[in-house]
């Protein structure tokens, strides 16, 4: 008798838990749809600040060209972007890959600087060197294996 009551209590508890989980799930979905009408204003800005993008790369010849092209293809005025690509003490073809991007006709008029760095300090050394060279109002750092969004500076 007690074991049957315990079994009924257990089953009832399980069903109540499942029902409560469904209530929470449906409430969350309802909340999401109710508040997901958030739209980002992508109309042209009255002023676009100059942005310096620094990409430190150490032996990243496999991905550096894709990253550089993605940065150069961002939806931001091309004359307001300065790209500094650092091939930091590389023993592979990272520097050559950067030069191949610079040689492409679609990027010929872009502000793209490639530095074959042999100094010490690793990424911190690259960033210190980049701070001395940067001319932008904002400085952005991307890893060589990071793929930027098409409109990353929309909230500047």
Protein backbone atom coordinates (compact mmCIF):
# COMPACT_ATOMS: atom_id res chain seq x y z
CA UNK A 1 0.00 0.00 0.00
CA UNK A 2 2.74 2.46 0.94
CA UNK A 3 4.82 1.49 -2.08
CA UNK A 4 1.83 2.13 -4.38
CA UNK A 5 1.24 5.54 -2.82
CA UNK A 6 4.94 6.33 -3.15
CA UNK A 7 4.85 5.28 -6.80
CA UNK A 8 1.78 7.44 -7.48
CA UNK A 9 3.43 10.38 -5.71
CA UNK A 10 6.61 9.89 -7.78
CA UNK A 11 4.72 9.70 -11.07
CA UNK A 12 2.62 12.73 -10.14
CA UNK A 13 5.78 14.68 -9.28
CA UNK A 14 7.39 13.73 -12.59
CA UNK A 15 4.32 14.79 -14.58
CA UNK A 16 4.05 18.09 -12.69
CA UNK A 17 7.75 18.75 -13.36
CA UNK A 18 7.32 18.03 -17.06
CA UNK A 19 4.23 20.24 -17.24
CA UNK A 20 6.04 23.05 -15.44
CA UNK A 21 8.99 22.69 -17.83
CA UNK A 22 6.65 23.05 -20.80
CA UNK A 23 5.06 26.15 -19.26
CA UNK A 24 8.51 27.71 -18.83
CA UNK A 25 9.53 26.72 -22.37
CA UNK A 26 6.40 28.20 -23.95
CA UNK A 27 6.77 31.34 -21.85
CA UNK A 28 10.37 31.74 -23.00
CA UNK A 29 9.41 31.26 -26.66
CA UNK A 30 6.56 33.76 -26.27
CA UNK A 31 8.92 36.28 -24.66
CA UNK A 32 11.47 35.75 -27.44
CA UNK A 33 8.95 36.36 -30.22
CA UNK A 34 7.41 39.33 -28.44
CA UNK A 35 10.76 41.09 -27.96
CA UNK A 36 12.69 39.89 -31.02
CA UNK A 37 11.48 42.74 -33.20
CA UNK A 38 14.69 44.62 -32.36
CA UNK A 39 16.08 46.24 -35.47
CA UNK A 40 19.49 47.83 -35.85
CA UNK A 41 19.48 51.15 -37.65
CA UNK A 42 21.90 50.66 -40.54
CA UNK A 43 21.29 53.98 -42.22
CA UNK A 44 24.42 55.90 -43.21
CA UNK A 45 26.09 57.78 -40.39
CA UNK A 46 26.78 61.51 -40.66
CA UNK A 47 30.43 60.84 -39.81
CA UNK A 48 32.53 57.69 -40.03
CA UNK A 49 35.54 57.69 -37.69
CA UNK A 50 38.80 56.32 -39.03
CA UNK A 51 39.47 52.82 -37.71
CA UNK A 52 42.86 51.13 -37.52
CA UNK A 53 42.58 47.36 -37.61
CA UNK A 54 45.59 45.42 -36.33
CA UNK A 55 46.05 41.74 -37.17
CA UNK A 56 49.00 40.06 -35.44
CA UNK A 57 49.86 36.78 -37.16
CA UNK A 58 52.44 34.18 -36.20
CA UNK A 59 52.64 31.30 -38.68
CA UNK A 60 49.07 31.82 -39.92
CA UNK A 61 49.63 31.36 -43.66
CA UNK A 62 46.57 29.12 -43.95
CA UNK A 63 44.06 31.74 -42.77
CA UNK A 64 45.65 35.19 -43.01
CA UNK A 65 44.58 35.86 -46.62
CA UNK A 66 40.93 35.02 -45.87
CA UNK A 67 40.96 37.20 -42.77
CA UNK A 68 42.58 40.13 -44.57
CA UNK A 69 40.08 39.92 -47.45
CA UNK A 70 37.14 39.73 -45.02
CA UNK A 71 38.40 42.83 -43.21
CA UNK A 72 38.94 44.72 -46.46
CA UNK A 73 35.46 43.71 -47.67
CA UNK A 74 33.67 45.00 -44.56
CA UNK A 75 30.75 47.36 -45.06
CA UNK A 76 32.59 50.49 -43.94
CA UNK A 77 33.97 53.36 -46.05
CA UNK A 78 37.24 52.13 -47.49
CA UNK A 79 38.99 55.45 -46.99
CA UNK A 80 38.23 55.27 -43.25
CA UNK A 81 39.92 51.89 -42.64
CA UNK A 82 43.62 51.34 -42.06
CA UNK A 83 44.72 47.71 -41.95
CA UNK A 84 48.02 46.76 -40.31
CA UNK A 85 49.00 43.14 -40.93
CA UNK A 86 51.93 41.95 -38.82
CA UNK A 87 53.76 38.77 -39.82
CA UNK A 88 55.40 38.24 -36.43
CA UNK A 89 58.57 36.11 -36.54
CA UNK A 90 56.99 33.72 -39.03
CA UNK A 91 58.73 30.63 -40.33
CA UNK A 92 56.05 29.89 -42.92
CA UNK A 93 54.50 31.86 -45.82
CA UNK A 94 52.42 34.29 -43.75
CA UNK A 95 54.24 37.36 -45.10
CA UNK A 96 53.95 36.13 -48.70
CA UNK A 97 50.21 35.48 -48.24
CA UNK A 98 49.77 39.04 -46.95
CA UNK A 99 51.65 40.39 -49.97
CA UNK A 100 49.42 38.36 -52.30
CA UNK A 101 46.35 40.07 -50.83
CA UNK A 102 47.98 43.47 -51.24
CA UNK A 103 48.75 42.66 -54.89
CA UNK A 104 45.11 41.95 -55.74
CA UNK A 105 43.66 44.68 -57.99
CA UNK A 106 40.52 45.17 -55.88
CA UNK A 107 42.68 46.11 -52.87
CA UNK A 108 45.29 48.19 -54.72
CA UNK A 109 43.98 51.55 -53.50
CA UNK A 110 43.38 50.43 -49.91
CA UNK A 111 45.29 51.56 -46.83
CA UNK A 112 46.99 48.22 -46.19
CA UNK A 113 50.36 48.01 -44.48
CA UNK A 114 52.21 44.72 -44.12
CA UNK A 115 55.02 44.46 -41.59
CA UNK A 116 57.45 41.53 -41.51
CA UNK A 117 58.29 41.84 -37.82
CA UNK A 118 61.40 40.24 -36.35
CA UNK A 119 61.30 41.87 -32.92
CA UNK A 120 60.65 40.26 -29.57
CA UNK A 121 57.60 40.36 -27.35
CA UNK A 122 55.15 38.27 -29.36
CA UNK A 123 51.61 39.62 -29.61
CA UNK A 124 52.26 42.27 -26.96
CA UNK A 125 55.24 43.50 -28.96
CA UNK A 126 53.11 43.63 -32.10
CA UNK A 127 50.43 45.65 -30.33
CA UNK A 128 53.02 48.08 -28.94
CA UNK A 129 54.44 48.58 -32.45
CA UNK A 130 50.94 48.96 -33.88
CA UNK A 131 50.03 51.67 -31.37
CA UNK A 132 52.98 53.71 -32.63
CA UNK A 133 51.88 53.32 -36.26
CA UNK A 134 48.10 53.63 -35.94
CA UNK A 135 46.43 56.73 -37.33
CA UNK A 136 42.79 55.85 -36.64
CA UNK A 137 40.50 57.32 -34.01
CA UNK A 138 39.67 53.78 -32.97
CA UNK A 139 41.92 50.74 -32.85
CA UNK A 140 40.53 47.27 -33.39
CA UNK A 141 42.51 44.05 -32.95
CA UNK A 142 41.56 40.87 -34.79
CA UNK A 143 43.27 37.54 -34.42
CA UNK A 144 44.53 36.13 -37.69
CA UNK A 145 42.08 33.24 -37.49
CA UNK A 146 39.05 35.41 -36.64
CA UNK A 147 36.46 36.07 -39.32
CA UNK A 148 34.91 39.53 -38.86
CA UNK A 149 31.28 40.33 -39.47
CA UNK A 150 30.29 42.35 -42.51
CA UNK A 151 29.25 45.35 -40.39
CA UNK A 152 31.28 45.19 -37.17
CA UNK A 153 31.53 48.92 -36.49
CA UNK A 154 27.84 49.75 -36.66
CA UNK A 155 27.72 50.94 -33.03
CA UNK A 156 30.70 53.30 -33.18
